[in-house]
């Protein structure tokens, strides 16, 4: 069995367990964590990579807090792997937003999560970094303009899902995901650049 086949089997297993969990099967929920833990850790490390050095949250703590919130979901109609990791990414982002707000209230502005959209099309090569609060505001604004594009950003950029996984999750074609991801990425870049120049979310 090659790598693609093993990955496909693992994705199918995750989807099966998620749907069983959604029907109330707690054993399926217990079996799911060891399978998805590595990917959740990859997401958490990605989120924290650009954090301030003295950040009190570590990847394991972020994973555990997100997972606690995930298992608290009651009767979720989990669709597939992409749906699960998209929700997990959203949970992690909300945890870090709350953490950044608390930190900002206690100390000075700034010193929050920094992310880069420097691979946006037709932009300069220098990375554009923004605070997690600015990113959260930008995603909220994008969701008001186009909720599907905001969802694609969360799934692609934060959850690390492939374009095909996103297409399956959203029941659209892969070409639609490609087109809307490019559009959303460019919009996010412009919004984050503007926000950084203003110095506020």
N, C-alpha and C. Protein backbone atom coordinates (compact mmCIF):
# COMPACT_ATOMS: atom_id res chain seq x y z
N UNK A 1 0.84 -1.19 0.00
CA UNK A 1 0.00 0.00 0.00
C UNK A 1 0.88 1.25 0.00
N UNK A 2 0.64 2.19 -0.94
CA UNK A 2 1.47 3.38 -1.01
C UNK A 2 0.97 4.45 -0.03
N UNK A 3 1.73 5.57 0.01
CA UNK A 3 1.41 6.63 0.97
C UNK A 3 0.03 7.23 0.73
N UNK A 4 -0.32 7.43 -0.54
CA UNK A 4 -1.63 8.02 -0.85
C UNK A 4 -2.76 7.12 -0.38
N UNK A 5 -2.60 5.80 -0.56
CA UNK A 5 -3.64 4.87 -0.14
C UNK A 5 -3.77 4.86 1.38
N UNK A 6 -2.62 4.90 2.09
CA UNK A 6 -2.67 4.93 3.54
C UNK A 6 -3.33 6.21 4.05
N UNK A 7 -3.00 7.34 3.39
CA UNK A 7 -3.62 8.61 3.77
C UNK A 7 -5.12 8.57 3.53
N UNK A 8 -5.51 7.95 2.41
CA UNK A 8 -6.93 7.84 2.10
C UNK A 8 -7.67 6.98 3.11
N UNK A 9 -7.03 5.87 3.52
CA UNK A 9 -7.64 5.00 4.53
C UNK A 9 -7.78 5.73 5.86
N UNK A 10 -6.75 6.50 6.22
CA UNK A 10 -6.78 7.23 7.48
C UNK A 10 -7.89 8.29 7.46
N UNK A 11 -8.02 9.00 6.32
CA UNK A 11 -9.08 10.00 6.19
C UNK A 11 -10.45 9.36 6.28
N UNK A 12 -10.61 8.18 5.65
CA UNK A 12 -11.89 7.48 5.71
C UNK A 12 -12.20 7.04 7.13
N UNK A 13 -11.17 6.58 7.85
CA UNK A 13 -11.36 6.17 9.24
C UNK A 13 -11.78 7.35 10.10
N UNK A 14 -11.12 8.50 9.90
CA UNK A 14 -11.48 9.71 10.65
C UNK A 14 -12.93 10.10 10.37
N UNK A 15 -13.31 10.09 9.10
CA UNK A 15 -14.69 10.44 8.74
C UNK A 15 -15.69 9.48 9.39
N UNK A 16 -15.39 8.19 9.37
CA UNK A 16 -16.27 7.20 9.97
C UNK A 16 -16.44 7.46 11.46
N UNK A 17 -15.33 7.72 12.17
CA UNK A 17 -15.40 7.96 13.61
C UNK A 17 -16.12 9.26 13.92
N UNK A 18 -15.89 10.28 13.11
CA UNK A 18 -16.57 11.56 13.32
C UNK A 18 -18.08 11.42 13.20
N UNK A 19 -18.51 10.70 12.19
CA UNK A 19 -19.95 10.54 11.99
C UNK A 19 -20.57 9.70 13.10
N UNK A 20 -19.82 8.70 13.58
CA UNK A 20 -20.31 7.91 14.70
C UNK A 20 -20.40 8.77 15.96
N UNK A 21 -19.39 9.60 16.17
CA UNK A 21 -19.40 10.52 17.31
C UNK A 21 -20.60 11.46 17.22
N UNK A 22 -20.84 11.96 16.01
CA UNK A 22 -21.98 12.86 15.80
C UNK A 22 -23.31 12.22 16.14
N UNK A 23 -23.34 10.88 16.06
CA UNK A 23 -24.57 10.15 16.41
C UNK A 23 -24.62 9.82 17.90
N UNK A 24 -23.59 10.28 18.64
CA UNK A 24 -23.58 10.05 20.08
C UNK A 24 -22.71 8.92 20.55
N UNK A 25 -21.89 8.34 19.67
CA UNK A 25 -21.01 7.22 20.02
C UNK A 25 -19.75 7.76 20.71
N UNK A 26 -19.68 7.66 22.04
CA UNK A 26 -18.55 8.19 22.79
C UNK A 26 -17.30 7.34 22.62
N UNK A 27 -17.47 6.06 22.30
CA UNK A 27 -16.31 5.21 22.03
C UNK A 27 -15.59 5.69 20.77
N UNK A 28 -16.36 6.08 19.78
CA UNK A 28 -15.77 6.60 18.55
C UNK A 28 -14.98 7.87 18.84
N UNK A 29 -15.54 8.72 19.73
CA UNK A 29 -14.83 9.94 20.11
C UNK A 29 -13.50 9.61 20.76
N UNK A 30 -13.48 8.60 21.62
CA UNK A 30 -12.25 8.21 22.30
C UNK A 30 -11.23 7.66 21.31
N UNK A 31 -11.68 6.91 20.32
CA UNK A 31 -10.78 6.34 19.32
C UNK A 31 -10.22 7.40 18.38
N UNK A 32 -10.93 8.51 18.27
CA UNK A 32 -10.54 9.54 17.30
C UNK A 32 -9.27 10.30 17.72
N UNK A 33 -9.14 10.64 18.99
CA UNK A 33 -8.05 11.52 19.43
C UNK A 33 -6.66 11.03 19.03
N UNK A 34 -6.31 9.75 19.27
CA UNK A 34 -4.96 9.31 18.87
C UNK A 34 -4.71 9.45 17.37
N UNK A 35 -5.76 9.33 16.58
CA UNK A 35 -5.60 9.40 15.13
C UNK A 35 -5.37 10.84 14.66
N UNK A 36 -6.07 11.78 15.29
CA UNK A 36 -6.00 13.18 14.83
C UNK A 36 -4.99 14.01 15.61
N UNK A 37 -4.41 13.45 16.66
CA UNK A 37 -3.55 14.25 17.55
C UNK A 37 -2.38 14.87 16.81
N UNK A 38 -1.73 14.12 15.96
CA UNK A 38 -0.54 14.65 15.25
C UNK A 38 -0.91 15.86 14.40
N UNK A 39 -2.04 15.77 13.70
CA UNK A 39 -2.46 16.90 12.86
C UNK A 39 -2.86 18.10 13.72
N UNK A 40 -3.53 17.83 14.84
CA UNK A 40 -3.88 18.92 15.74
C UNK A 40 -2.62 19.60 16.28
N UNK A 41 -1.61 18.81 16.59
CA UNK A 41 -0.37 19.39 17.09
C UNK A 41 0.30 20.23 16.01
N UNK A 42 0.25 19.75 14.75
CA UNK A 42 0.84 20.53 13.66
C UNK A 42 0.14 21.88 13.54
N UNK A 43 -1.18 21.88 13.68
CA UNK A 43 -1.92 23.14 13.65
C UNK A 43 -1.51 24.05 14.79
N UNK A 44 -1.42 23.48 15.99
CA UNK A 44 -1.09 24.28 17.16
C UNK A 44 0.31 24.88 17.04
N UNK A 45 1.26 24.08 16.57
CA UNK A 45 2.64 24.58 16.39
C UNK A 45 2.65 25.70 15.36
N UNK A 46 1.87 25.54 14.28
CA UNK A 46 1.79 26.58 13.27
C UNK A 46 1.25 27.89 13.83
N UNK A 47 0.24 27.80 14.66
CA UNK A 47 -0.33 29.00 15.28
C UNK A 47 0.68 29.69 16.19
N UNK A 48 1.43 28.89 16.95
CA UNK A 48 2.31 29.44 17.97
C UNK A 48 3.70 29.78 17.47
N UNK A 49 4.00 29.42 16.23
CA UNK A 49 5.35 29.63 15.71
C UNK A 49 5.77 31.09 15.76
N UNK A 50 4.83 31.99 15.52
CA UNK A 50 5.15 33.42 15.49
C UNK A 50 4.71 34.15 16.76
N UNK A 51 4.44 33.38 17.80
CA UNK A 51 4.04 34.01 19.06
C UNK A 51 5.24 34.66 19.73
N UNK A 52 4.94 35.54 20.68
CA UNK A 52 6.00 36.14 21.47
C UNK A 52 6.71 35.05 22.27
N UNK A 53 8.00 35.19 22.54
CA UNK A 53 8.77 34.14 23.22
C UNK A 53 8.24 33.78 24.59
N UNK A 54 7.64 34.75 25.30
CA UNK A 54 7.20 34.47 26.67
C UNK A 54 5.74 34.02 26.74
N UNK A 55 5.17 33.60 25.60
CA UNK A 55 3.78 33.19 25.59
C UNK A 55 3.57 32.01 26.54
N UNK A 56 2.53 32.06 27.33
CA UNK A 56 2.31 31.02 28.34
C UNK A 56 1.66 29.76 27.76
N UNK A 57 1.02 29.87 26.61
CA UNK A 57 0.42 28.70 26.00
C UNK A 57 1.45 27.93 25.18
N UNK A 58 1.53 26.65 25.37
CA UNK A 58 2.37 25.76 24.59
C UNK A 58 1.46 24.92 23.70
N UNK A 59 2.03 24.31 22.62
CA UNK A 59 1.17 23.54 21.71
C UNK A 59 0.29 22.51 22.40
N UNK A 60 0.86 21.77 23.36
CA UNK A 60 0.06 20.74 24.04
C UNK A 60 -1.12 21.36 24.77
N UNK A 61 -0.89 22.49 25.45
CA UNK A 61 -1.97 23.15 26.18
C UNK A 61 -3.03 23.67 25.21
N UNK A 62 -2.60 24.21 24.08
CA UNK A 62 -3.54 24.73 23.09
C UNK A 62 -4.38 23.58 22.52
N UNK A 63 -3.73 22.44 22.22
CA UNK A 63 -4.45 21.28 21.72
C UNK A 63 -5.50 20.82 22.73
N UNK A 64 -5.07 20.70 23.98
CA UNK A 64 -5.98 20.19 25.00
C UNK A 64 -7.17 21.11 25.22
N UNK A 65 -6.92 22.42 25.24
CA UNK A 65 -8.03 23.35 25.44
C UNK A 65 -8.99 23.31 24.25
N UNK A 66 -8.42 23.22 23.04
CA UNK A 66 -9.28 23.13 21.85
C UNK A 66 -10.06 21.83 21.86
N UNK A 67 -9.41 20.75 22.26
CA UNK A 67 -10.09 19.45 22.25
C UNK A 67 -11.21 19.41 23.28
N UNK A 68 -10.98 20.04 24.43
CA UNK A 68 -12.04 20.12 25.44
C UNK A 68 -13.27 20.82 24.86
N UNK A 69 -13.02 21.88 24.10
CA UNK A 69 -14.14 22.59 23.48
C UNK A 69 -14.80 21.73 22.40
N UNK A 70 -13.98 20.96 21.68
CA UNK A 70 -14.51 20.11 20.63
C UNK A 70 -15.41 19.01 21.21
N UNK A 71 -14.93 18.36 22.27
CA UNK A 71 -15.73 17.27 22.84
C UNK A 71 -16.97 17.81 23.54
N UNK A 72 -16.97 19.10 23.83
CA UNK A 72 -18.15 19.71 24.42
C UNK A 72 -19.26 19.96 23.42
N UNK A 73 -18.93 19.81 22.13
CA UNK A 73 -19.95 19.97 21.10
C UNK A 73 -20.94 18.82 21.18
N UNK A 74 -22.21 19.12 21.21
CA UNK A 74 -23.23 18.10 21.35
C UNK A 74 -23.90 17.81 20.01
N UNK A 75 -23.85 16.56 19.63
CA UNK A 75 -24.55 16.11 18.43
C UNK A 75 -24.19 16.93 17.20
N UNK A 76 -22.91 17.13 16.99
CA UNK A 76 -22.47 17.84 15.80
C UNK A 76 -22.58 16.92 14.59
N UNK A 77 -23.09 17.42 13.50
CA UNK A 77 -23.19 16.62 12.28
C UNK A 77 -21.87 16.70 11.53
N UNK A 78 -20.84 16.03 12.10
CA UNK A 78 -19.53 16.06 11.46
C UNK A 78 -19.64 15.47 10.05
N UNK A 79 -19.07 16.20 9.08
CA UNK A 79 -19.16 15.75 7.70
C UNK A 79 -17.97 14.88 7.32
N UNK A 80 -16.78 15.34 7.64
CA UNK A 80 -15.57 14.64 7.23
C UNK A 80 -14.37 15.24 7.96
N UNK A 81 -13.18 14.79 7.56
CA UNK A 81 -11.94 15.25 8.18
C UNK A 81 -11.78 16.77 8.06
N UNK A 82 -12.04 17.32 6.88
CA UNK A 82 -11.86 18.76 6.66
C UNK A 82 -12.77 19.56 7.59
N UNK A 83 -13.99 19.09 7.77
CA UNK A 83 -14.93 19.77 8.66
C UNK A 83 -14.38 19.79 10.09
N UNK A 84 -13.89 18.65 10.55
CA UNK A 84 -13.36 18.57 11.91
C UNK A 84 -12.17 19.49 12.12
N UNK A 85 -11.19 19.43 11.20
CA UNK A 85 -10.00 20.25 11.38
C UNK A 85 -10.30 21.74 11.17
N UNK A 86 -11.32 22.03 10.36
CA UNK A 86 -11.73 23.42 10.23
C UNK A 86 -12.29 23.96 11.53
N UNK A 87 -13.14 23.16 12.20
CA UNK A 87 -13.68 23.57 13.49
C UNK A 87 -12.57 23.66 14.53
N UNK A 88 -11.62 22.71 14.49
CA UNK A 88 -10.49 22.74 15.43
C UNK A 88 -9.66 24.00 15.25
N UNK A 89 -9.41 24.37 13.99
CA UNK A 89 -8.65 25.59 13.72
C UNK A 89 -9.39 26.81 14.24
N UNK A 90 -10.70 26.82 14.07
CA UNK A 90 -11.51 27.93 14.56
C UNK A 90 -11.44 28.01 16.08
N UNK A 91 -11.48 26.86 16.74
CA UNK A 91 -11.37 26.82 18.20
C UNK A 91 -10.03 27.39 18.66
N UNK A 92 -8.94 26.95 18.01
CA UNK A 92 -7.61 27.42 18.40
C UNK A 92 -7.49 28.92 18.20
N UNK A 93 -8.04 29.41 17.11
CA UNK A 93 -7.99 30.85 16.85
C UNK A 93 -8.75 31.62 17.93
N UNK A 94 -9.92 31.10 18.33
CA UNK A 94 -10.69 31.79 19.36
C UNK A 94 -9.95 31.78 20.70
N UNK A 95 -9.29 30.68 21.02
CA UNK A 95 -8.52 30.59 22.27
C UNK A 95 -7.41 31.63 22.27
N UNK A 96 -6.70 31.75 21.15
CA UNK A 96 -5.60 32.70 21.08
C UNK A 96 -6.09 34.14 21.05
N UNK A 97 -7.25 34.37 20.43
CA UNK A 97 -7.83 35.71 20.45
C UNK A 97 -8.17 36.11 21.89
N UNK A 98 -8.81 35.19 22.61
CA UNK A 98 -9.14 35.47 24.02
C UNK A 98 -7.88 35.72 24.83
N UNK A 99 -6.85 34.92 24.58
CA UNK A 99 -5.58 35.06 25.30
C UNK A 99 -4.94 36.40 24.97
N UNK A 100 -4.97 36.79 23.69
CA UNK A 100 -4.36 38.06 23.27
C UNK A 100 -5.10 39.24 23.89
N UNK A 101 -6.42 39.16 23.93
CA UNK A 101 -7.20 40.25 24.54
C UNK A 101 -6.89 40.39 26.02
N UNK A 102 -6.79 39.25 26.71
CA UNK A 102 -6.47 39.30 28.13
C UNK A 102 -5.07 39.87 28.35
N UNK A 103 -4.13 39.45 27.50
CA UNK A 103 -2.76 39.94 27.63
C UNK A 103 -2.68 41.43 27.34
N UNK A 104 -3.42 41.87 26.34
CA UNK A 104 -3.41 43.29 25.99
C UNK A 104 -4.02 44.13 27.11
N UNK A 105 -5.06 43.60 27.74
CA UNK A 105 -5.70 44.33 28.82
C UNK A 105 -4.77 44.49 30.02
N UNK A 106 -3.92 43.47 30.25
CA UNK A 106 -3.03 43.51 31.40
C UNK A 106 -1.76 44.29 31.14
N UNK A 107 -1.32 44.29 29.87
CA UNK A 107 -0.05 44.92 29.58
C UNK A 107 -0.21 45.93 28.45
N UNK A 108 0.74 45.97 27.57
CA UNK A 108 0.70 46.95 26.49
C UNK A 108 0.08 46.33 25.25
N UNK A 109 -0.35 47.17 24.28
CA UNK A 109 -0.84 46.63 23.01
C UNK A 109 0.28 45.91 22.28
N UNK A 110 -0.11 45.00 21.41
CA UNK A 110 0.88 44.29 20.62
C UNK A 110 1.24 42.97 21.25
N UNK A 111 2.38 42.45 20.90
CA UNK A 111 2.90 41.20 21.45
C UNK A 111 1.89 40.07 21.35
N UNK A 112 1.31 39.89 20.20
CA UNK A 112 0.34 38.82 20.01
C UNK A 112 0.78 37.95 18.84
N UNK A 113 -0.05 36.98 18.50
CA UNK A 113 0.26 36.08 17.40
C UNK A 113 0.49 36.85 16.12
N UNK A 114 1.49 36.45 15.36
CA UNK A 114 1.81 37.11 14.10
C UNK A 114 1.78 36.06 13.00
N UNK A 115 1.06 36.39 11.93
CA UNK A 115 0.94 35.46 10.83
C UNK A 115 1.30 36.17 9.54
N UNK A 116 1.54 35.39 8.48
CA UNK A 116 1.98 35.97 7.23
C UNK A 116 1.09 35.55 6.08
N UNK A 117 0.69 36.51 5.27
CA UNK A 117 -0.02 36.23 4.04
C UNK A 117 0.87 36.67 2.86
N UNK A 118 2.20 36.53 3.03
CA UNK A 118 3.13 37.04 2.03
C UNK A 118 3.09 36.25 0.73
N UNK A 119 2.40 35.08 0.69
CA UNK A 119 2.30 34.34 -0.54
C UNK A 119 1.07 34.74 -1.35
N UNK A 120 0.44 35.85 -0.97
CA UNK A 120 -0.70 36.33 -1.73
C UNK A 120 -0.24 36.75 -3.12
N UNK A 121 -1.07 36.64 -4.12
CA UNK A 121 -0.67 36.96 -5.48
C UNK A 121 -0.43 38.45 -5.70
N UNK A 122 0.54 38.76 -6.54
CA UNK A 122 0.81 40.14 -6.96
C UNK A 122 1.14 41.05 -5.79
N UNK A 123 1.96 40.57 -4.87
CA UNK A 123 2.35 41.39 -3.74
C UNK A 123 3.85 41.33 -3.59
N UNK A 124 4.39 42.23 -2.75
CA UNK A 124 5.82 42.26 -2.51
C UNK A 124 6.24 41.00 -1.77
N UNK A 125 7.56 40.74 -1.74
CA UNK A 125 8.05 39.51 -1.15
C UNK A 125 8.19 39.59 0.36
N UNK A 126 8.24 40.80 0.94
CA UNK A 126 8.37 40.90 2.38
C UNK A 126 7.09 40.39 3.05
N UNK A 127 7.23 39.57 4.12
CA UNK A 127 6.04 39.08 4.79
C UNK A 127 5.29 40.20 5.49
N UNK A 128 3.97 40.12 5.45
CA UNK A 128 3.13 41.06 6.19
C UNK A 128 2.67 40.36 7.44
N UNK A 129 3.03 40.89 8.61
CA UNK A 129 2.69 40.26 9.87
C UNK A 129 1.58 41.06 10.55
N UNK A 130 0.75 40.39 11.25
CA UNK A 130 -0.34 41.09 11.93
C UNK A 130 -0.61 40.44 13.25
N UNK A 131 -1.21 41.17 14.14
CA UNK A 131 -1.60 40.62 15.41
C UNK A 131 -2.81 39.72 15.22
N UNK A 132 -2.95 38.78 16.14
CA UNK A 132 -4.06 37.85 16.05
C UNK A 132 -5.40 38.59 16.12
N UNK A 133 -5.45 39.71 16.82
CA UNK A 133 -6.70 40.46 16.90
C UNK A 133 -7.04 41.10 15.56
N UNK A 134 -6.04 41.58 14.86
CA UNK A 134 -6.27 42.13 13.53
C UNK A 134 -6.73 41.05 12.58
N UNK A 135 -6.11 39.88 12.67
CA UNK A 135 -6.50 38.77 11.82
C UNK A 135 -7.94 38.35 12.10
N UNK A 136 -8.30 38.30 13.36
CA UNK A 136 -9.65 37.92 13.74
C UNK A 136 -10.66 38.92 13.16
N UNK A 137 -10.36 40.20 13.25
CA UNK A 137 -11.24 41.23 12.71
C UNK A 137 -11.35 41.12 11.19
N UNK A 138 -10.21 40.86 10.54
CA UNK A 138 -10.20 40.73 9.08
C UNK A 138 -11.06 39.55 8.64
N UNK A 139 -10.94 38.42 9.34
CA UNK A 139 -11.75 37.25 8.98
C UNK A 139 -13.24 37.52 9.21
N UNK A 140 -13.55 38.24 10.28
CA UNK A 140 -14.95 38.58 10.55
C UNK A 140 -15.51 39.46 9.43
N UNK A 141 -14.71 40.41 8.96
CA UNK A 141 -15.16 41.29 7.87
C UNK A 141 -15.32 40.49 6.58
N UNK A 142 -14.38 39.58 6.32
CA UNK A 142 -14.50 38.76 5.11
C UNK A 142 -15.74 37.89 5.18
N UNK A 143 -16.04 37.35 6.36
CA UNK A 143 -17.23 36.51 6.52
C UNK A 143 -18.50 37.28 6.21
N UNK A 144 -18.52 38.58 6.55
CA UNK A 144 -19.70 39.40 6.23
C UNK A 144 -19.83 39.61 4.74
N UNK A 145 -18.69 39.71 4.05
CA UNK A 145 -18.70 39.90 2.61
C UNK A 145 -18.96 38.60 1.86
N UNK A 146 -18.29 37.53 2.32
CA UNK A 146 -18.41 36.24 1.64
C UNK A 146 -18.07 35.14 2.65
N UNK A 147 -19.09 34.55 3.24
CA UNK A 147 -18.86 33.56 4.30
C UNK A 147 -18.11 32.34 3.78
N UNK A 148 -18.34 31.96 2.53
CA UNK A 148 -17.64 30.79 2.00
C UNK A 148 -16.16 31.05 1.86
N UNK A 149 -15.79 32.25 1.41
CA UNK A 149 -14.38 32.57 1.29
C UNK A 149 -13.70 32.59 2.65
N UNK A 150 -14.39 33.10 3.66
CA UNK A 150 -13.83 33.11 5.02
C UNK A 150 -13.64 31.68 5.50
N UNK A 151 -14.58 30.81 5.19
CA UNK A 151 -14.47 29.41 5.58
C UNK A 151 -13.30 28.75 4.87
N UNK A 152 -13.11 29.08 3.61
CA UNK A 152 -11.99 28.53 2.85
C UNK A 152 -10.66 28.96 3.46
N UNK A 153 -10.56 30.22 3.89
CA UNK A 153 -9.34 30.69 4.53
C UNK A 153 -9.05 29.87 5.78
N UNK A 154 -10.07 29.65 6.59
CA UNK A 154 -9.87 28.88 7.82
C UNK A 154 -9.43 27.45 7.52
N UNK A 155 -10.07 26.83 6.53
CA UNK A 155 -9.75 25.46 6.20
C UNK A 155 -8.38 25.32 5.54
N UNK A 156 -8.06 26.26 4.65
CA UNK A 156 -6.81 26.15 3.88
C UNK A 156 -5.62 26.65 4.67
N UNK A 157 -5.73 27.84 5.24
CA UNK A 157 -4.58 28.48 5.88
C UNK A 157 -4.35 27.96 7.29
N UNK A 158 -5.43 27.78 8.03
CA UNK A 158 -5.29 27.42 9.44
C UNK A 158 -5.41 25.92 9.69
N UNK A 159 -6.36 25.26 9.01
CA UNK A 159 -6.53 23.83 9.23
C UNK A 159 -5.59 23.01 8.35
N UNK A 160 -5.02 23.62 7.31
CA UNK A 160 -4.07 22.91 6.46
C UNK A 160 -4.72 21.89 5.54
N UNK A 161 -6.02 22.07 5.25
CA UNK A 161 -6.71 21.14 4.36
C UNK A 161 -6.33 21.39 2.91
N UNK A 162 -6.36 20.35 2.12
CA UNK A 162 -6.08 20.51 0.70
C UNK A 162 -7.29 21.13 0.01
N UNK A 163 -7.07 21.61 -1.20
CA UNK A 163 -8.18 22.21 -1.96
C UNK A 163 -9.26 21.16 -2.23
N UNK A 164 -8.85 19.92 -2.49
CA UNK A 164 -9.84 18.88 -2.76
C UNK A 164 -10.64 18.57 -1.51
N UNK A 165 -10.00 18.53 -0.35
CA UNK A 165 -10.72 18.29 0.91
C UNK A 165 -11.73 19.40 1.16
N UNK A 166 -11.33 20.63 0.89
CA UNK A 166 -12.23 21.76 1.09
C UNK A 166 -13.41 21.67 0.12
N UNK A 167 -13.11 21.32 -1.12
CA UNK A 167 -14.18 21.17 -2.11
C UNK A 167 -15.19 20.12 -1.66
N UNK A 168 -14.70 19.00 -1.14
CA UNK A 168 -15.59 17.95 -0.65
C UNK A 168 -16.41 18.44 0.54
N UNK A 169 -15.75 19.17 1.44
CA UNK A 169 -16.44 19.66 2.64
C UNK A 169 -17.52 20.66 2.31
N UNK A 170 -17.27 21.49 1.30
CA UNK A 170 -18.21 22.56 0.96
C UNK A 170 -19.14 22.19 -0.19
N UNK A 171 -18.94 20.99 -0.75
CA UNK A 171 -19.76 20.52 -1.87
C UNK A 171 -19.68 21.46 -3.07
N UNK A 172 -18.46 21.86 -3.40
CA UNK A 172 -18.21 22.67 -4.59
C UNK A 172 -17.06 22.03 -5.35
N UNK A 173 -16.79 22.55 -6.55
CA UNK A 173 -15.69 22.00 -7.35
C UNK A 173 -14.35 22.48 -6.82
N UNK A 174 -13.31 21.73 -7.14
CA UNK A 174 -11.98 22.14 -6.73
C UNK A 174 -11.58 23.45 -7.39
N UNK A 175 -11.98 23.66 -8.64
CA UNK A 175 -11.64 24.90 -9.34
C UNK A 175 -12.28 26.10 -8.64
N UNK A 176 -13.48 25.90 -8.08
CA UNK A 176 -14.14 26.98 -7.32
C UNK A 176 -13.33 27.31 -6.09
N UNK A 177 -12.85 26.29 -5.38
CA UNK A 177 -12.03 26.52 -4.19
C UNK A 177 -10.75 27.25 -4.56
N UNK A 178 -10.10 26.81 -5.64
CA UNK A 178 -8.85 27.46 -6.09
C UNK A 178 -9.08 28.93 -6.37
N UNK A 179 -10.14 29.23 -7.11
CA UNK A 179 -10.44 30.61 -7.48
C UNK A 179 -10.77 31.45 -6.25
N UNK A 180 -11.60 30.93 -5.37
CA UNK A 180 -12.02 31.71 -4.21
C UNK A 180 -10.90 31.82 -3.16
N UNK A 181 -10.05 30.82 -3.06
CA UNK A 181 -8.90 30.91 -2.15
C UNK A 181 -7.97 32.03 -2.62
N UNK A 182 -7.71 32.11 -3.92
CA UNK A 182 -6.85 33.17 -4.44
C UNK A 182 -7.45 34.54 -4.18
N UNK A 183 -8.76 34.66 -4.38
CA UNK A 183 -9.44 35.93 -4.15
C UNK A 183 -9.41 36.30 -2.67
N UNK A 184 -9.73 35.33 -1.81
CA UNK A 184 -9.75 35.58 -0.36
C UNK A 184 -8.37 35.92 0.17
N UNK A 185 -7.35 35.24 -0.33
CA UNK A 185 -5.98 35.48 0.12
C UNK A 185 -5.54 36.89 -0.23
N UNK A 186 -5.89 37.33 -1.44
CA UNK A 186 -5.54 38.69 -1.85
C UNK A 186 -6.28 39.72 -1.00
N UNK A 187 -7.56 39.45 -0.72
CA UNK A 187 -8.35 40.38 0.10
C UNK A 187 -7.76 40.46 1.50
N UNK A 188 -7.41 39.31 2.09
CA UNK A 188 -6.83 39.29 3.43
C UNK A 188 -5.51 40.06 3.46
N UNK A 189 -4.71 39.89 2.43
CA UNK A 189 -3.43 40.60 2.37
C UNK A 189 -3.65 42.11 2.40
N UNK A 190 -4.58 42.58 1.56
CA UNK A 190 -4.86 44.02 1.51
C UNK A 190 -5.39 44.53 2.85
N UNK A 191 -6.30 43.77 3.45
CA UNK A 191 -6.89 44.20 4.72
C UNK A 191 -5.84 44.22 5.84
N UNK A 192 -4.99 43.21 5.88
CA UNK A 192 -3.97 43.15 6.92
C UNK A 192 -2.92 44.24 6.73
N UNK A 193 -2.58 44.51 5.47
CA UNK A 193 -1.62 45.59 5.19
C UNK A 193 -2.18 46.93 5.65
N UNK A 194 -3.45 47.18 5.34
CA UNK A 194 -4.10 48.42 5.75
C UNK A 194 -4.15 48.52 7.27
N UNK A 195 -4.48 47.40 7.93
CA UNK A 195 -4.56 47.39 9.38
C UNK A 195 -3.22 47.65 10.04
N UNK A 196 -2.17 47.09 9.49
CA UNK A 196 -0.84 47.31 10.05
C UNK A 196 -0.41 48.77 9.90
N UNK A 197 -0.77 49.38 8.78
CA UNK A 197 -0.42 50.79 8.57
C UNK A 197 -1.14 51.69 9.55
N UNK A 198 -2.40 51.33 9.85
CA UNK A 198 -3.16 52.11 10.81
C UNK A 198 -2.73 51.83 12.24
N UNK A 199 -2.16 50.62 12.44
CA UNK A 199 -1.68 50.25 13.76
C UNK A 199 -2.74 49.75 14.70
N UNK A 200 -3.96 49.50 14.17
CA UNK A 200 -5.05 49.00 15.01
C UNK A 200 -5.84 47.96 14.26
N UNK A 201 -6.52 47.03 14.98
CA UNK A 201 -7.46 46.12 14.32
C UNK A 201 -8.61 46.88 13.72
